[in-house]
Amino acid sequence: MIPIPEALKSKSSVHDLKRRLDWGEPALTIIDVRSRDSFNACRITGAVSIPTEGLVERALNNLDLTRDIYLYDSTDEGTTFAAGLLKKAGYQNVAELLGGLKAWNVSGFQIEGTY
């Protein structure tokens, strides 16, 4: 039996996200804010590509303001910047995925593409 994961944290480890996914949590979105080329080469399985440049507009058109969102970029600084944009736009449940794709891959979790 998989225990119920903790609530979303503003700075989340890859293990926090993996626990939610393993639990079967459907009410979250994983957003890769890197370039489309980087996303196409390799990404966390289930992530969607919304590069930082169009993040707020696309998010507002597609995601409820209360949706749980996990973000990652190539760097933690880029992730923090993107999270700040969404929070400023009114998103209430935004988590920065610490270490991003690299931490996910090092932990042995499933990716799509070649890292």
PDB file of N, CA and C in Angstrom:
ATOM      1  N   MET A   1       0.837  -1.185   0.000  1.00  0.00           N
ATOM      2  CA  MET A   1       0.000   0.000   0.000  1.00  0.00           C
ATOM      3  C   MET A   1       0.882   1.250   0.000  1.00  0.00           C
ATOM      4  N   ILE A   2       0.592   2.156  -0.902  1.00  0.00           N
ATOM      5  CA  ILE A   2       1.356   3.397  -1.015  1.00  0.00           C
ATOM      6  C   ILE A   2       0.703   4.448  -0.118  1.00  0.00           C
ATOM      7  N   PRO A   3       1.477   5.041   0.813  1.00  0.00           N
ATOM      8  CA  PRO A   3       0.898   6.045   1.711  1.00  0.00           C
ATOM      9  C   PRO A   3       0.484   7.312   0.964  1.00  0.00           C
ATOM     10  N   ILE A   4      -0.478   8.028   1.518  1.00  0.00           N
ATOM     11  CA  ILE A   4      -0.915   9.298   0.949  1.00  0.00           C
ATOM     12  C   ILE A   4       0.250  10.281   1.035  1.00  0.00           C
ATOM     13  N   PRO A   5       0.615  10.901  -0.086  1.00  0.00           N
ATOM     14  CA  PRO A   5       1.754  11.832  -0.064  1.00  0.00           C
ATOM     15  C   PRO A   5       1.414  13.139   0.634  1.00  0.00           C
ATOM     16  N   GLU A   6       2.472  13.852   1.007  1.00  0.00           N
ATOM     17  CA  GLU A   6       2.299  15.165   1.624  1.00  0.00           C
ATOM     18  C   GLU A   6       1.703  16.141   0.612  1.00  0.00           C
ATOM     19  N   ALA A   7       1.142  17.212   1.124  1.00  0.00           N
ATOM     20  CA  ALA A   7       0.609  18.264   0.260  1.00  0.00           C
ATOM     21  C   ALA A   7       1.750  18.912  -0.526  1.00  0.00           C
ATOM     22  N   LEU A   8       1.394  19.583  -1.590  1.00  0.00           N
ATOM     23  CA  LEU A   8       2.357  20.267  -2.436  1.00  0.00           C
ATOM     24  C   LEU A   8       3.178  21.257  -1.614  1.00  0.00           C
ATOM     25  N   LYS A   9       4.487  21.263  -1.849  1.00  0.00           N
ATOM     26  CA  LYS A   9       5.396  22.207  -1.196  1.00  0.00           C
ATOM     27  C   LYS A   9       5.914  23.168  -2.256  1.00  0.00           C
ATOM     28  N   SER A  10       6.165  24.415  -1.904  1.00  0.00           N
ATOM     29  CA  SER A  10       6.627  25.389  -2.889  1.00  0.00           C
ATOM     30  C   SER A  10       7.981  25.003  -3.486  1.00  0.00           C
ATOM     31  N   LYS A  11       8.799  24.314  -2.733  1.00  0.00           N
ATOM     32  CA  LYS A  11      10.057  23.759  -3.241  1.00  0.00           C
ATOM     33  C   LYS A  11       9.989  22.261  -2.958  1.00  0.00           C
ATOM     34  N   SER A  12       9.838  21.495  -4.032  1.00  0.00           N
ATOM     35  CA  SER A  12       9.614  20.054  -3.891  1.00  0.00           C
ATOM     36  C   SER A  12      10.783  19.264  -4.466  1.00  0.00           C
ATOM     37  N   SER A  13      11.080  18.160  -3.823  1.00  0.00           N
ATOM     38  CA  SER A  13      12.100  17.258  -4.356  1.00  0.00           C
ATOM     39  C   SER A  13      11.459  16.363  -5.418  1.00  0.00           C
ATOM     40  N   VAL A  14      12.298  15.721  -6.200  1.00  0.00           N
ATOM     41  CA  VAL A  14      11.770  14.789  -7.188  1.00  0.00           C
ATOM     42  C   VAL A  14      11.057  13.635  -6.495  1.00  0.00           C
ATOM     43  N   HIS A  15      11.480  13.312  -5.287  1.00  0.00           N
ATOM     44  CA  HIS A  15      10.833  12.228  -4.537  1.00  0.00           C
ATOM     45  C   HIS A  15       9.421  12.629  -4.103  1.00  0.00           C
ATOM     46  N   ASP A  16       9.220  13.901  -3.777  1.00  0.00           N
ATOM     47  CA  ASP A  16       7.868  14.389  -3.449  1.00  0.00           C
ATOM     48  C   ASP A  16       6.933  14.177  -4.634  1.00  0.00           C
ATOM     49  N   LEU A  17       7.381  14.576  -5.821  1.00  0.00           N
ATOM     50  CA  LEU A  17       6.560  14.420  -7.013  1.00  0.00           C
ATOM     51  C   LEU A  17       6.344  12.947  -7.337  1.00  0.00           C
ATOM     52  N   LYS A  18       7.372  12.149  -7.247  1.00  0.00           N
ATOM     53  CA  LYS A  18       7.250  10.717  -7.557  1.00  0.00           C
ATOM     54  C   LYS A  18       6.251  10.043  -6.636  1.00  0.00           C
ATOM     55  N   ARG A  19       6.254  10.401  -5.345  1.00  0.00           N
ATOM     56  CA  ARG A  19       5.271   9.828  -4.414  1.00  0.00           C
ATOM     57  C   ARG A  19       3.846  10.159  -4.848  1.00  0.00           C
ATOM     58  N   ARG A  20       3.629  11.397  -5.282  1.00  0.00           N
ATOM     59  CA  ARG A  20       2.283  11.787  -5.753  1.00  0.00           C
ATOM     60  C   ARG A  20       1.894  11.004  -6.996  1.00  0.00           C
ATOM     61  N   LEU A  21       2.820  10.855  -7.918  1.00  0.00           N
ATOM     62  CA  LEU A  21       2.530  10.112  -9.142  1.00  0.00           C
ATOM     63  C   LEU A  21       2.266   8.635  -8.844  1.00  0.00           C
ATOM     64  N   ASP A  22       3.075   8.052  -7.964  1.00  0.00           N
ATOM     65  CA  ASP A  22       2.886   6.637  -7.600  1.00  0.00           C
ATOM     66  C   ASP A  22       1.563   6.414  -6.888  1.00  0.00           C
ATOM     67  N   TRP A  23       1.137   7.405  -6.139  1.00  0.00           N
ATOM     68  CA  TRP A  23      -0.124   7.318  -5.416  1.00  0.00           C
ATOM     69  C   TRP A  23      -1.302   7.374  -6.384  1.00  0.00           C
ATOM     70  N   GLY A  24      -1.059   7.937  -7.573  1.00  0.00           N
ATOM     71  CA  GLY A  24      -2.114   8.034  -8.565  1.00  0.00           C
ATOM     72  C   GLY A  24      -2.806   9.378  -8.548  1.00  0.00           C
ATOM     73  N   GLU A  25      -2.123  10.394  -8.041  1.00  0.00           N
ATOM     74  CA  GLU A  25      -2.686  11.740  -7.938  1.00  0.00           C
ATOM     75  C   GLU A  25      -2.932  12.324  -9.326  1.00  0.00           C
ATOM     76  N   PRO A  26      -4.190  12.465  -9.737  1.00  0.00           N
ATOM     77  CA  PRO A  26      -4.462  12.968 -11.082  1.00  0.00           C
ATOM     78  C   PRO A  26      -4.515  14.491 -11.189  1.00  0.00           C
ATOM     79  N   ALA A  27      -4.636  15.170 -10.088  1.00  0.00           N
ATOM     80  CA  ALA A  27      -4.891  16.613 -10.132  1.00  0.00           C
ATOM     81  C   ALA A  27      -3.608  17.430 -10.057  1.00  0.00           C
ATOM     82  N   LEU A  28      -2.661  17.122 -10.953  1.00  0.00           N
ATOM     83  CA  LEU A  28      -1.443  17.917 -11.006  1.00  0.00           C
ATOM     84  C   LEU A  28      -0.966  17.987 -12.444  1.00  0.00           C
ATOM     85  N   THR A  29      -0.165  18.991 -12.721  1.00  0.00           N
ATOM     86  CA  THR A  29       0.429  19.166 -14.035  1.00  0.00           C
ATOM     87  C   THR A  29       1.917  19.408 -13.850  1.00  0.00           C
ATOM     88  N   ILE A  30       2.728  18.708 -14.650  1.00  0.00           N
ATOM     89  CA  ILE A  30       4.176  18.900 -14.645  1.00  0.00           C
ATOM     90  C   ILE A  30       4.513  19.725 -15.888  1.00  0.00           C
ATOM     91  N   ILE A  31       5.126  20.881 -15.674  1.00  0.00           N
ATOM     92  CA  ILE A  31       5.455  21.766 -16.789  1.00  0.00           C
ATOM     93  C   ILE A  31       6.970  21.895 -16.919  1.00  0.00           C
ATOM     94  N   ASP A  32       7.450  21.593 -18.115  1.00  0.00           N
ATOM     95  CA  ASP A  32       8.847  21.781 -18.481  1.00  0.00           C
ATOM     96  C   ASP A  32       8.933  23.137 -19.167  1.00  0.00           C
ATOM     97  N   VAL A  33       9.628  24.091 -18.546  1.00  0.00           N
ATOM     98  CA  VAL A  33       9.697  25.449 -19.097  1.00  0.00           C
ATOM     99  C   VAL A  33      10.955  25.681 -19.936  1.00  0.00           C
ATOM    100  N   ARG A  34      11.707  24.623 -20.206  1.00  0.00           N
ATOM    101  CA  ARG A  34      12.882  24.742 -21.076  1.00  0.00           C
ATOM    102  C   ARG A  34      12.432  24.969 -22.521  1.00  0.00           C
ATOM    103  N   SER A  35      13.382  25.143 -23.415  1.00  0.00           N
ATOM    104  CA  SER A  35      13.054  25.325 -24.834  1.00  0.00           C
ATOM    105  C   SER A  35      12.365  24.081 -25.381  1.00  0.00           C
ATOM    106  N   ARG A  36      11.624  24.257 -26.435  1.00  0.00           N
ATOM    107  CA  ARG A  36      10.924  23.137 -27.074  1.00  0.00           C
ATOM    108  C   ARG A  36      11.927  22.075 -27.545  1.00  0.00           C
ATOM    109  N   ASP A  37      13.085  22.493 -28.072  1.00  0.00           N
ATOM    110  CA  ASP A  37      14.100  21.532 -28.516  1.00  0.00           C
ATOM    111  C   ASP A  37      14.611  20.687 -27.348  1.00  0.00           C
ATOM    112  N   SER A  38      14.859  21.327 -26.211  1.00  0.00           N
ATOM    113  CA  SER A  38      15.310  20.587 -25.024  1.00  0.00           C
ATOM    114  C   SER A  38      14.244  19.604 -24.569  1.00  0.00           C
ATOM    115  N   PHE A  39      12.991  20.057 -24.562  1.00  0.00           N
ATOM    116  CA  PHE A  39      11.872  19.191 -24.183  1.00  0.00           C
ATOM    117  C   PHE A  39      11.783  17.990 -25.117  1.00  0.00           C
ATOM    118  N   ASN A  40      11.887  18.231 -26.423  1.00  0.00           N
ATOM    119  CA  ASN A  40      11.767  17.142 -27.398  1.00  0.00           C
ATOM    120  C   ASN A  40      12.886  16.124 -27.249  1.00  0.00           C
ATOM    121  N   ALA A  41      14.066  16.559 -26.810  1.00  0.00           N
ATOM    122  CA  ALA A  41      15.197  15.657 -26.636  1.00  0.00           C
ATOM    123  C   ALA A  41      15.023  14.753 -25.418  1.00  0.00           C
ATOM    124  N   CYS A  42      14.508  15.306 -24.332  1.00  0.00           N
ATOM    125  CA  CYS A  42      14.389  14.542 -23.091  1.00  0.00           C
ATOM    126  C   CYS A  42      13.505  15.291 -22.104  1.00  0.00           C
ATOM    127  N   ARG A  43      12.664  14.561 -21.383  1.00  0.00           N
ATOM    128  CA  ARG A  43      11.745  15.188 -20.438  1.00  0.00           C
ATOM    129  C   ARG A  43      11.267  14.169 -19.407  1.00  0.00           C
ATOM    130  N   ILE A  44      10.707  14.680 -18.321  1.00  0.00           N
ATOM    131  CA  ILE A  44      10.052  13.822 -17.337  1.00  0.00           C
ATOM    132  C   ILE A  44       8.788  13.263 -17.994  1.00  0.00           C
ATOM    133  N   THR A  45       8.598  11.964 -17.863  1.00  0.00           N
ATOM    134  CA  THR A  45       7.421  11.336 -18.456  1.00  0.00           C
ATOM    135  C   THR A  45       6.163  12.000 -17.923  1.00  0.00           C
ATOM    136  N   GLY A  46       5.306  12.437 -18.840  1.00  0.00           N
ATOM    137  CA  GLY A  46       4.050  13.080 -18.465  1.00  0.00           C
ATOM    138  C   GLY A  46       4.100  14.592 -18.415  1.00  0.00           C
ATOM    139  N   ALA A  47       5.302  15.155 -18.554  1.00  0.00           N
ATOM    140  CA  ALA A  47       5.426  16.622 -18.530  1.00  0.00           C
ATOM    141  C   ALA A  47       4.889  17.217 -19.833  1.00  0.00           C
ATOM    142  N   VAL A  48       4.451  18.463 -19.736  1.00  0.00           N
ATOM    143  CA  VAL A  48       4.047  19.223 -20.916  1.00  0.00           C
ATOM    144  C   VAL A  48       5.045  20.348 -21.125  1.00  0.00           C
ATOM    145  N   SER A  49       5.221  20.737 -22.373  1.00  0.00           N
ATOM    146  CA  SER A  49       6.161  21.798 -22.700  1.00  0.00           C
ATOM    147  C   SER A  49       5.440  23.136 -22.780  1.00  0.00           C
ATOM    148  N   ILE A  50       5.828  24.045 -21.900  1.00  0.00           N
ATOM    149  CA  ILE A  50       5.379  25.428 -21.986  1.00  0.00           C
ATOM    150  C   ILE A  50       6.602  26.291 -21.653  1.00  0.00           C
ATOM    151  N   PRO A  51       7.379  26.666 -22.683  1.00  0.00           N
ATOM    152  CA  PRO A  51       8.570  27.476 -22.422  1.00  0.00           C
ATOM    153  C   PRO A  51       8.230  28.763 -21.660  1.00  0.00           C
ATOM    154  N   THR A  52       9.172  29.222 -20.872  1.00  0.00           N
ATOM    155  CA  THR A  52       8.989  30.388 -20.015  1.00  0.00           C
ATOM    156  C   THR A  52       8.421  31.582 -20.773  1.00  0.00           C
ATOM    157  N   GLU A  53       8.864  31.797 -22.012  1.00  0.00           N
ATOM    158  CA  GLU A  53       8.440  32.969 -22.785  1.00  0.00           C
ATOM    159  C   GLU A  53       6.926  33.085 -22.917  1.00  0.00           C
ATOM    160  N   GLY A  54       6.207  31.988 -23.037  1.00  0.00           N
ATOM    161  CA  GLY A  54       4.752  32.044 -23.189  1.00  0.00           C
ATOM    162  C   GLY A  54       4.008  31.396 -22.042  1.00  0.00           C
ATOM    163  N   LEU A  55       4.700  31.201 -20.939  1.00  0.00           N
ATOM    164  CA  LEU A  55       4.159  30.433 -19.827  1.00  0.00           C
ATOM    165  C   LEU A  55       2.851  30.978 -19.274  1.00  0.00           C
ATOM    166  N   VAL A  56       2.836  32.227 -18.902  1.00  0.00           N
ATOM    167  CA  VAL A  56       1.650  32.786 -18.238  1.00  0.00           C
ATOM    168  C   VAL A  56       0.437  32.732 -19.157  1.00  0.00           C
ATOM    169  N   GLU A  57       0.585  33.172 -20.381  1.00  0.00           N
ATOM    170  CA  GLU A  57      -0.546  33.191 -21.312  1.00  0.00           C
ATOM    171  C   GLU A  57      -1.098  31.790 -21.548  1.00  0.00           C
ATOM    172  N   ARG A  58      -0.212  30.833 -21.812  1.00  0.00           N
ATOM    173  CA  ARG A  58      -0.688  29.461 -22.065  1.00  0.00           C
ATOM    174  C   ARG A  58      -1.286  28.836 -20.814  1.00  0.00           C
ATOM    175  N   ALA A  59      -0.691  29.098 -19.670  1.00  0.00           N
ATOM    176  CA  ALA A  59      -1.231  28.547 -18.427  1.00  0.00           C
ATOM    177  C   ALA A  59      -2.623  29.107 -18.160  1.00  0.00           C
ATOM    178  N   LEU A  60      -2.778  30.410 -18.299  1.00  0.00           N
ATOM    179  CA  LEU A  60      -4.085  31.034 -18.049  1.00  0.00           C
ATOM    180  C   LEU A  60      -5.154  30.509 -19.001  1.00  0.00           C
ATOM    181  N   ASN A  61      -4.764  30.152 -20.215  1.00  0.00           N
ATOM    182  CA  ASN A  61      -5.718  29.618 -21.186  1.00  0.00           C
ATOM    183  C   ASN A  61      -6.058  28.153 -20.967  1.00  0.00           C
ATOM    184  N   ASN A  62      -5.221  27.431 -20.191  1.00  0.00           N
ATOM    185  CA  ASN A  62      -5.395  25.988 -20.093  1.00  0.00           C
ATOM    186  C   ASN A  62      -5.498  25.404 -18.689  1.00  0.00           C
ATOM    187  N   LEU A  63      -5.075  26.133 -17.678  1.00  0.00           N
ATOM    188  CA  LEU A  63      -5.013  25.562 -16.333  1.00  0.00           C
ATOM    189  C   LEU A  63      -5.741  26.432 -15.319  1.00  0.00           C
ATOM    190  N   ASP A  64      -6.516  25.795 -14.467  1.00  0.00           N
ATOM    191  CA  ASP A  64      -7.215  26.482 -13.395  1.00  0.00           C
ATOM    192  C   ASP A  64      -6.202  27.073 -12.411  1.00  0.00           C
ATOM    193  N   LEU A  65      -6.536  28.205 -11.832  1.00  0.00           N
ATOM    194  CA  LEU A  65      -5.632  28.881 -10.897  1.00  0.00           C
ATOM    195  C   LEU A  65      -5.349  28.074  -9.631  1.00  0.00           C
ATOM    196  N   THR A  66      -6.169  27.068  -9.341  1.00  0.00           N
ATOM    197  CA  THR A  66      -5.961  26.249  -8.149  1.00  0.00           C
ATOM    198  C   THR A  66      -5.306  24.906  -8.471  1.00  0.00           C
ATOM    199  N   ARG A  67      -4.984  24.669  -9.716  1.00  0.00           N
ATOM    200  CA  ARG A  67      -4.334  23.417 -10.133  1.00  0.00           C
ATOM    201  C   ARG A  67      -2.967  23.293  -9.476  1.00  0.00           C
ATOM    202  N   ASP A  68      -2.602  22.089  -9.035  1.00  0.00           N
ATOM    203  CA  ASP A  68      -1.252  21.839  -8.529  1.00  0.00           C
ATOM    204  C   ASP A  68      -0.314  21.737  -9.722  1.00  0.00           C
ATOM    205  N   ILE A  69       0.719  22.575  -9.724  1.00  0.00           N
ATOM    206  CA  ILE A  69       1.656  22.637 -10.844  1.00  0.00           C
ATOM    207  C   ILE A  69       3.068  22.419 -10.317  1.00  0.00           C
ATOM    208  N   TYR A  70       3.780  21.503 -10.964  1.00  0.00           N
ATOM    209  CA  TYR A  70       5.200  21.289 -10.706  1.00  0.00           C
ATOM    210  C   TYR A  70       5.954  21.806 -11.920  1.00  0.00           C
ATOM    211  N   LEU A  71       6.930  22.674 -11.688  1.00  0.00           N
ATOM    212  CA  LEU A  71       7.713  23.285 -12.763  1.00  0.00           C
ATOM    213  C   LEU A  71       9.162  22.854 -12.682  1.00  0.00           C
ATOM    214  N   TYR A  72       9.778  22.730 -13.856  1.00  0.00           N
ATOM    215  CA  TYR A  72      11.236  22.581 -13.863  1.00  0.00           C
ATOM    216  C   TYR A  72      11.830  23.220 -15.110  1.00  0.00           C
ATOM    217  N   ASP A  73      13.061  23.700 -14.946  1.00  0.00           N
ATOM    218  CA  ASP A  73      13.844  24.322 -16.009  1.00  0.00           C
ATOM    219  C   ASP A  73      15.214  23.643 -15.997  1.00  0.00           C
ATOM    220  N   SER A  74      16.135  24.147 -16.773  1.00  0.00           N
ATOM    221  CA  SER A  74      17.495  23.599 -16.797  1.00  0.00           C
ATOM    222  C   SER A  74      18.244  23.900 -15.509  1.00  0.00           C
ATOM    223  N   THR A  75      17.854  24.998 -14.835  1.00  0.00           N
ATOM    224  CA  THR A  75      18.496  25.396 -13.580  1.00  0.00           C
ATOM    225  C   THR A  75      17.422  25.692 -12.538  1.00  0.00           C
ATOM    226  N   ASP A  76      17.804  25.602 -11.276  1.00  0.00           N
ATOM    227  CA  ASP A  76      16.863  25.959 -10.210  1.00  0.00           C
ATOM    228  C   ASP A  76      16.499  27.437 -10.286  1.00  0.00           C
ATOM    229  N   GLU A  77      17.434  28.277 -10.727  1.00  0.00           N
ATOM    230  CA  GLU A  77      17.153  29.706 -10.853  1.00  0.00           C
ATOM    231  C   GLU A  77      16.071  29.950 -11.905  1.00  0.00           C
ATOM    232  N   GLY A  78      16.165  29.250 -13.032  1.00  0.00           N
ATOM    233  CA  GLY A  78      15.145  29.367 -14.075  1.00  0.00           C
ATOM    234  C   GLY A  78      13.790  28.872 -13.596  1.00  0.00           C
ATOM    235  N   THR A  79      13.815  27.802 -12.817  1.00  0.00           N
ATOM    236  CA  THR A  79      12.584  27.257 -12.253  1.00  0.00           C
ATOM    237  C   THR A  79      11.949  28.270 -11.305  1.00  0.00           C
ATOM    238  N   THR A  80      12.762  28.882 -10.455  1.00  0.00           N
ATOM    239  CA  THR A  80      12.263  29.883  -9.511  1.00  0.00           C
ATOM    240  C   THR A  80      11.658  31.070 -10.252  1.00  0.00           C
ATOM    241  N   PHE A  81      12.300  31.514 -11.315  1.00  0.00           N
ATOM    242  CA  PHE A  81      11.795  32.628 -12.109  1.00  0.00           C
ATOM    243  C   PHE A  81      10.427  32.277 -12.704  1.00  0.00           C
ATOM    244  N   ALA A  82      10.320  31.101 -13.312  1.00  0.00           N
ATOM    245  CA  ALA A  82       9.055  30.680 -13.925  1.00  0.00           C
ATOM    246  C   ALA A  82       7.953  30.542 -12.876  1.00  0.00           C
ATOM    247  N   ALA A  83       8.287  29.988 -11.723  1.00  0.00           N
ATOM    248  CA  ALA A  83       7.301  29.851 -10.648  1.00  0.00           C
ATOM    249  C   ALA A  83       6.807  31.217 -10.200  1.00  0.00           C
ATOM    250  N   GLY A  84       7.711  32.178 -10.112  1.00  0.00           N
ATOM    251  CA  GLY A  84       7.331  33.535  -9.736  1.00  0.00           C
ATOM    252  C   GLY A  84       6.351  34.148 -10.726  1.00  0.00           C
ATOM    253  N   LEU A  85       6.549  33.884 -12.019  1.00  0.00           N
ATOM    254  CA  LEU A  85       5.622  34.392 -13.031  1.00  0.00           C
ATOM    255  C   LEU A  85       4.218  33.838 -12.821  1.00  0.00           C
ATOM    256  N   LEU A  86       4.130  32.536 -12.555  1.00  0.00           N
ATOM    257  CA  LEU A  86       2.811  31.936 -12.348  1.00  0.00           C
ATOM    258  C   LEU A  86       2.156  32.435 -11.062  1.00  0.00           C
ATOM    259  N   LYS A  87       2.937  32.564 -10.012  1.00  0.00           N
ATOM    260  CA  LYS A  87       2.382  33.056  -8.747  1.00  0.00           C
ATOM    261  C   LYS A  87       1.872  34.488  -8.902  1.00  0.00           C
ATOM    262  N   LYS A  88       2.624  35.314  -9.614  1.00  0.00           N
ATOM    263  CA  LYS A  88       2.205  36.691  -9.858  1.00  0.00           C
ATOM    264  C   LYS A  88       0.915  36.738 -10.674  1.00  0.00           C
ATOM    265  N   ALA A  89       0.717  35.741 -11.545  1.00  0.00           N
ATOM    266  CA  ALA A  89      -0.490  35.667 -12.375  1.00  0.00           C
ATOM    267  C   ALA A  89      -1.690  35.129 -11.603  1.00  0.00           C
ATOM    268  N   GLY A  90      -1.471  34.688 -10.347  1.00  0.00           N
ATOM    269  CA  GLY A  90      -2.575  34.241  -9.519  1.00  0.00           C
ATOM    270  C   GLY A  90      -2.632  32.752  -9.229  1.00  0.00           C
ATOM    271  N   TYR A  91      -1.649  31.993  -9.721  1.00  0.00           N
ATOM    272  CA  TYR A  91      -1.639  30.555  -9.432  1.00  0.00           C
ATOM    273  C   TYR A  91      -1.269  30.338  -7.968  1.00  0.00           C
ATOM    274  N   GLN A  92      -2.049  29.502  -7.309  1.00  0.00           N
ATOM    275  CA  GLN A  92      -1.923  29.326  -5.862  1.00  0.00           C
ATOM    276  C   GLN A  92      -1.067  28.134  -5.455  1.00  0.00           C
ATOM    277  N   ASN A  93      -0.946  27.129  -6.322  1.00  0.00           N
ATOM    278  CA  ASN A  93      -0.282  25.875  -5.956  1.00  0.00           C
ATOM    279  C   ASN A  93       0.824  25.549  -6.952  1.00  0.00           C
ATOM    280  N   VAL A  94       1.940  26.258  -6.803  1.00  0.00           N
ATOM    281  CA  VAL A  94       3.062  26.099  -7.715  1.00  0.00           C
ATOM    282  C   VAL A  94       4.257  25.552  -6.942  1.00  0.00           C
ATOM    283  N   ALA A  95       4.810  24.454  -7.443  1.00  0.00           N
ATOM    284  CA  ALA A  95       5.982  23.847  -6.813  1.00  0.00           C
ATOM    285  C   ALA A  95       7.172  23.905  -7.758  1.00  0.00           C
ATOM    286  N   GLU A  96       8.297  24.329  -7.227  1.00  0.00           N
ATOM    287  CA  GLU A  96       9.554  24.304  -7.966  1.00  0.00           C
ATOM    288  C   GLU A  96      10.169  22.928  -7.755  1.00  0.00           C
ATOM    289  N   LEU A  97      10.401  22.199  -8.839  1.00  0.00           N
ATOM    290  CA  LEU A  97      10.990  20.870  -8.746  1.00  0.00           C
ATOM    291  C   LEU A  97      12.509  21.018  -8.657  1.00  0.00           C
ATOM    292  N   LEU A  98      13.029  20.887  -7.454  1.00  0.00           N
ATOM    293  CA  LEU A  98      14.448  21.108  -7.186  1.00  0.00           C
ATOM    294  C   LEU A  98      15.314  20.110  -7.946  1.00  0.00           C
ATOM    295  N   GLY A  99      16.280  20.616  -8.670  1.00  0.00           N
ATOM    296  CA  GLY A  99      17.179  19.760  -9.435  1.00  0.00           C
ATOM    297  C   GLY A  99      16.641  19.398 -10.805  1.00  0.00           C
ATOM    298  N   GLY A 100      15.362  19.621 -11.024  1.00  0.00           N
ATOM    299  CA  GLY A 100      14.739  19.407 -12.320  1.00  0.00           C
ATOM    300  C   GLY A 100      14.974  18.039 -12.923  1.00  0.00           C
ATOM    301  N   LEU A 101      15.131  18.027 -14.228  1.00  0.00           N
ATOM    302  CA  LEU A 101      15.286  16.795 -14.990  1.00  0.00           C
ATOM    303  C   LEU A 101      16.521  16.012 -14.553  1.00  0.00           C
ATOM    304  N   LYS A 102      17.599  16.715 -14.258  1.00  0.00           N
ATOM    305  CA  LYS A 102      18.824  16.029 -13.838  1.00  0.00           C
ATOM    306  C   LYS A 102      18.582  15.224 -12.563  1.00  0.00           C
ATOM    307  N   ALA A 103      17.954  15.837 -11.568  1.00  0.00           N
ATOM    308  CA  ALA A 103      17.675  15.134 -10.306  1.00  0.00           C
ATOM    309  C   ALA A 103      16.718  13.971 -10.542  1.00  0.00           C
ATOM    310  N   TRP A 104      15.747  14.167 -11.417  1.00  0.00           N
ATOM    311  CA  TRP A 104      14.786  13.102 -11.748  1.00  0.00           C
ATOM    312  C   TRP A 104      15.527  11.912 -12.358  1.00  0.00           C
ATOM    313  N   ASN A 105      16.401  12.194 -13.312  1.00  0.00           N
ATOM    314  CA  ASN A 105      17.146  11.153 -14.000  1.00  0.00           C
ATOM    315  C   ASN A 105      18.110  10.438 -13.057  1.00  0.00           C
ATOM    316  N   VAL A 106      18.838  11.195 -12.242  1.00  0.00           N
ATOM    317  CA  VAL A 106      19.790  10.608 -11.290  1.00  0.00           C
ATOM    318  C   VAL A 106      19.068   9.684 -10.308  1.00  0.00           C
ATOM    319  N   SER A 107      17.832  10.013  -9.975  1.00  0.00           N
ATOM    320  CA  SER A 107      17.054   9.183  -9.054  1.00  0.00           C
ATOM    321  C   SER A 107      16.537   7.910  -9.716  1.00  0.00           C
ATOM    322  N   GLY A 108      16.723   7.807 -11.026  1.00  0.00           N
ATOM    323  CA  GLY A 108      16.307   6.597 -11.735  1.00  0.00           C
ATOM    324  C   GLY A 108      14.842   6.576 -12.121  1.00  0.00           C
ATOM    325  N   PHE A 109      14.189   7.734 -12.065  1.00  0.00           N
ATOM    326  CA  PHE A 109      12.779   7.801 -12.422  1.00  0.00           C
ATOM    327  C   PHE A 109      12.628   7.895 -13.941  1.00  0.00           C
ATOM    328  N   GLN A 110      11.470   7.515 -14.429  1.00  0.00           N
ATOM    329  CA  GLN A 110      11.227   7.397 -15.862  1.00  0.00           C
ATOM    330  C   GLN A 110      11.281   8.749 -16.588  1.00  0.00           C
ATOM    331  N   ILE A 111      12.022   8.735 -17.690  1.00  0.00           N
ATOM    332  CA  ILE A 111      12.101   9.893 -18.578  1.00  0.00           C
ATOM    333  C   ILE A 111      11.723   9.447 -19.983  1.00  0.00           C
ATOM    334  N   GLU A 112      11.417  10.408 -20.820  1.00  0.00           N
ATOM    335  CA  GLU A 112      11.200  10.154 -22.236  1.00  0.00           C
ATOM    336  C   GLU A 112      12.334  10.829 -22.984  1.00  0.00           C
ATOM    337  N   GLY A 113      12.911  10.150 -23.946  1.00  0.00           N
ATOM    338  CA  GLY A 113      14.024  10.689 -24.698  1.00  0.00           C
ATOM    339  C   GLY A 113      15.342  10.227 -24.103  1.00  0.00           C
ATOM    340  N   THR A 114      16.426  10.854 -24.550  1.00  0.00           N
ATOM    341  CA  THR A 114      17.767  10.493 -24.114  1.00  0.00           C
ATOM    342  C   THR A 114      18.384  11.650 -23.362  1.00  0.00           C
ATOM    343  N   TYR A 115      18.743  11.403 -22.106  1.00  0.00           N
ATOM    344  CA  TYR A 115      19.338  12.447 -21.274  1.00  0.00           C
ATOM    345  C   TYR A 115      20.808  12.531 -21.527  1.00  0.00           C
TER     346      TYR A 115
END
